[in-house]
Amino acid sequence: MRPGLYVTDGPGTDDYGFCFIEWLPYKGARSSGLLDIQSYEGPSYVQLNAGDVVTVDGCNWTLQS
């Protein structure tokens, strides 16, 4: 994903009320080695920096800037 500010209206009906972003130490790392995990249950935003490696589960995120 490109660096920048991402926003979401929150999880959809298929997301079971939550969505998640996992920060990983490098591309190809397993979830067991994650650096951080955030869950979202409503409208939210997240800032991704250059070099961040993330996996996204649920929610539709839109790059704002």
N, C-alpha and C. Protein backbone atom coordinates (compact mmCIF):
# COMPACT_ATOMS: atom_id res chain seq x y z
N MET A 1 0.84 -1.18 0.00
CA MET A 1 0.00 0.00 0.00
C MET A 1 0.88 1.24 0.00
N ARG A 2 0.38 2.29 -0.61
CA ARG A 2 1.14 3.54 -0.66
C ARG A 2 1.05 4.25 0.68
N PRO A 3 2.09 5.00 1.05
CA PRO A 3 2.04 5.80 2.28
C PRO A 3 0.95 6.86 2.17
N GLY A 4 0.39 7.23 3.32
CA GLY A 4 -0.60 8.28 3.37
C GLY A 4 -1.66 8.01 4.41
N LEU A 5 -2.64 8.87 4.44
CA LEU A 5 -3.74 8.76 5.39
C LEU A 5 -4.89 8.01 4.73
N TYR A 6 -5.31 6.93 5.35
CA TYR A 6 -6.41 6.10 4.86
C TYR A 6 -7.60 6.24 5.80
N VAL A 7 -8.79 6.27 5.24
CA VAL A 7 -10.02 6.38 6.03
C VAL A 7 -10.98 5.26 5.64
N THR A 8 -11.87 4.91 6.58
CA THR A 8 -12.90 3.92 6.33
C THR A 8 -14.19 4.33 7.04
N ASP A 9 -15.30 3.93 6.48
CA ASP A 9 -16.59 4.14 7.14
C ASP A 9 -16.84 3.07 8.19
N GLY A 10 -15.97 2.08 8.25
CA GLY A 10 -16.11 0.99 9.22
C GLY A 10 -16.36 -0.32 8.52
N PRO A 11 -16.53 -1.37 9.31
CA PRO A 11 -16.72 -2.69 8.73
C PRO A 11 -18.04 -2.81 7.99
N GLY A 12 -18.02 -3.66 6.98
CA GLY A 12 -19.23 -3.97 6.24
C GLY A 12 -19.98 -5.11 6.90
N THR A 13 -21.09 -5.48 6.33
CA THR A 13 -21.91 -6.55 6.91
C THR A 13 -21.19 -7.90 6.91
N ASP A 14 -20.25 -8.10 6.00
CA ASP A 14 -19.50 -9.36 5.95
C ASP A 14 -18.27 -9.37 6.84
N ASP A 15 -18.01 -8.27 7.55
CA ASP A 15 -16.80 -8.16 8.38
C ASP A 15 -17.04 -8.50 9.85
N TYR A 16 -18.21 -8.99 10.21
CA TYR A 16 -18.53 -9.42 11.57
C TYR A 16 -18.37 -8.31 12.60
N GLY A 17 -18.53 -7.06 12.19
CA GLY A 17 -18.49 -5.94 13.12
C GLY A 17 -17.10 -5.38 13.39
N PHE A 18 -16.06 -5.98 12.84
CA PHE A 18 -14.69 -5.53 13.06
C PHE A 18 -13.88 -5.68 11.78
N CYS A 19 -12.81 -4.91 11.69
CA CYS A 19 -11.79 -5.12 10.67
C CYS A 19 -10.44 -4.90 11.35
N PHE A 20 -9.39 -5.41 10.74
CA PHE A 20 -8.08 -5.42 11.37
C PHE A 20 -6.98 -4.98 10.41
N ILE A 21 -5.95 -4.35 10.97
CA ILE A 21 -4.71 -4.08 10.25
C ILE A 21 -3.58 -4.63 11.10
N GLU A 22 -2.73 -5.46 10.49
CA GLU A 22 -1.56 -6.02 11.15
C GLU A 22 -0.31 -5.37 10.56
N TRP A 23 0.59 -4.90 11.42
CA TRP A 23 1.88 -4.38 10.99
C TRP A 23 2.91 -5.49 11.12
N LEU A 24 3.61 -5.77 10.02
CA LEU A 24 4.58 -6.85 9.98
C LEU A 24 6.00 -6.30 9.84
N PRO A 25 7.00 -7.07 10.27
CA PRO A 25 8.38 -6.57 10.22
C PRO A 25 8.95 -6.51 8.80
N TYR A 26 8.44 -7.34 7.88
CA TYR A 26 8.93 -7.36 6.51
C TYR A 26 7.91 -8.07 5.63
N LYS A 27 7.99 -7.82 4.34
CA LYS A 27 7.07 -8.46 3.39
C LYS A 27 7.28 -9.97 3.42
N GLY A 28 6.20 -10.70 3.53
CA GLY A 28 6.27 -12.16 3.59
C GLY A 28 6.31 -12.70 5.01
N ALA A 29 6.39 -11.83 6.01
CA ALA A 29 6.40 -12.29 7.40
C ALA A 29 5.04 -12.91 7.74
N ARG A 30 5.06 -13.84 8.66
CA ARG A 30 3.83 -14.47 9.11
C ARG A 30 3.17 -13.63 10.20
N SER A 31 1.88 -13.82 10.36
CA SER A 31 1.15 -13.08 11.38
C SER A 31 1.70 -13.33 12.78
N SER A 32 2.32 -14.48 13.01
CA SER A 32 2.88 -14.78 14.33
C SER A 32 4.04 -13.84 14.67
N GLY A 33 4.63 -13.17 13.68
CA GLY A 33 5.73 -12.25 13.92
C GLY A 33 5.31 -10.79 13.87
N LEU A 34 4.00 -10.53 13.96
CA LEU A 34 3.53 -9.16 13.79
C LEU A 34 4.07 -8.22 14.86
N LEU A 35 4.23 -6.96 14.46
CA LEU A 35 4.72 -5.90 15.34
C LEU A 35 3.58 -5.26 16.12
N ASP A 36 2.41 -5.15 15.48
CA ASP A 36 1.25 -4.51 16.10
C ASP A 36 0.01 -4.95 15.35
N ILE A 37 -1.13 -4.87 16.01
CA ILE A 37 -2.42 -5.14 15.37
C ILE A 37 -3.43 -4.15 15.93
N GLN A 38 -4.25 -3.61 15.05
CA GLN A 38 -5.30 -2.68 15.44
C GLN A 38 -6.62 -3.21 14.92
N SER A 39 -7.67 -3.08 15.73
CA SER A 39 -9.01 -3.45 15.28
C SER A 39 -9.86 -2.19 15.20
N TYR A 40 -10.80 -2.19 14.29
CA TYR A 40 -11.65 -1.03 14.03
C TYR A 40 -13.09 -1.51 13.96
N GLU A 41 -14.00 -0.77 14.61
CA GLU A 41 -15.40 -1.16 14.57
C GLU A 41 -16.33 -0.04 14.14
N GLY A 42 -15.77 1.07 13.71
CA GLY A 42 -16.57 2.19 13.22
C GLY A 42 -15.72 3.02 12.27
N PRO A 43 -16.21 4.20 11.90
CA PRO A 43 -15.41 5.08 11.05
C PRO A 43 -14.04 5.34 11.69
N SER A 44 -12.99 5.21 10.91
CA SER A 44 -11.63 5.30 11.45
C SER A 44 -10.67 5.82 10.40
N TYR A 45 -9.47 6.10 10.87
CA TYR A 45 -8.39 6.48 9.96
C TYR A 45 -7.10 5.86 10.45
N VAL A 46 -6.13 5.72 9.53
CA VAL A 46 -4.81 5.19 9.87
C VAL A 46 -3.79 5.86 8.96
N GLN A 47 -2.64 6.20 9.51
CA GLN A 47 -1.54 6.77 8.74
C GLN A 47 -0.53 5.67 8.46
N LEU A 48 -0.26 5.43 7.19
CA LEU A 48 0.78 4.48 6.81
C LEU A 48 1.99 5.27 6.31
N ASN A 49 3.15 4.88 6.79
CA ASN A 49 4.40 5.53 6.41
C ASN A 49 5.14 4.70 5.38
N ALA A 50 6.06 5.32 4.67
CA ALA A 50 6.89 4.61 3.71
C ALA A 50 7.60 3.46 4.42
N GLY A 51 7.56 2.29 3.84
CA GLY A 51 8.22 1.13 4.42
C GLY A 51 7.33 0.29 5.33
N ASP A 52 6.15 0.80 5.71
CA ASP A 52 5.23 -0.01 6.52
C ASP A 52 4.77 -1.21 5.71
N VAL A 53 4.76 -2.36 6.35
CA VAL A 53 4.24 -3.58 5.74
C VAL A 53 3.02 -3.99 6.55
N VAL A 54 1.86 -4.03 5.90
CA VAL A 54 0.62 -4.32 6.61
C VAL A 54 -0.20 -5.36 5.85
N THR A 55 -1.06 -6.05 6.61
CA THR A 55 -2.12 -6.85 6.03
C THR A 55 -3.43 -6.26 6.53
N VAL A 56 -4.43 -6.27 5.69
CA VAL A 56 -5.73 -5.68 6.01
C VAL A 56 -6.79 -6.76 5.89
N ASP A 57 -7.63 -6.87 6.91
CA ASP A 57 -8.72 -7.83 6.90
C ASP A 57 -10.01 -7.09 7.20
N GLY A 58 -10.83 -6.90 6.18
CA GLY A 58 -12.10 -6.21 6.33
C GLY A 58 -11.97 -4.72 6.11
N CYS A 59 -13.08 -4.05 6.08
CA CYS A 59 -13.20 -2.61 5.83
C CYS A 59 -12.70 -2.25 4.43
N ASN A 60 -13.25 -1.21 3.91
CA ASN A 60 -12.81 -0.64 2.63
C ASN A 60 -12.06 0.66 2.96
N TRP A 61 -10.76 0.66 2.78
CA TRP A 61 -9.91 1.81 3.12
C TRP A 61 -9.65 2.63 1.87
N THR A 62 -9.74 3.95 2.01
CA THR A 62 -9.51 4.88 0.89
C THR A 62 -8.37 5.82 1.23
N LEU A 63 -7.42 5.95 0.33
CA LEU A 63 -6.29 6.86 0.50
C LEU A 63 -6.76 8.31 0.35
N GLN A 64 -6.52 9.12 1.38
CA GLN A 64 -6.95 10.51 1.37
C GLN A 64 -5.83 11.48 0.95
N SER A 65 -4.60 11.18 1.32
CA SER A 65 -3.50 12.08 0.98
C SER A 65 -2.19 11.33 0.89
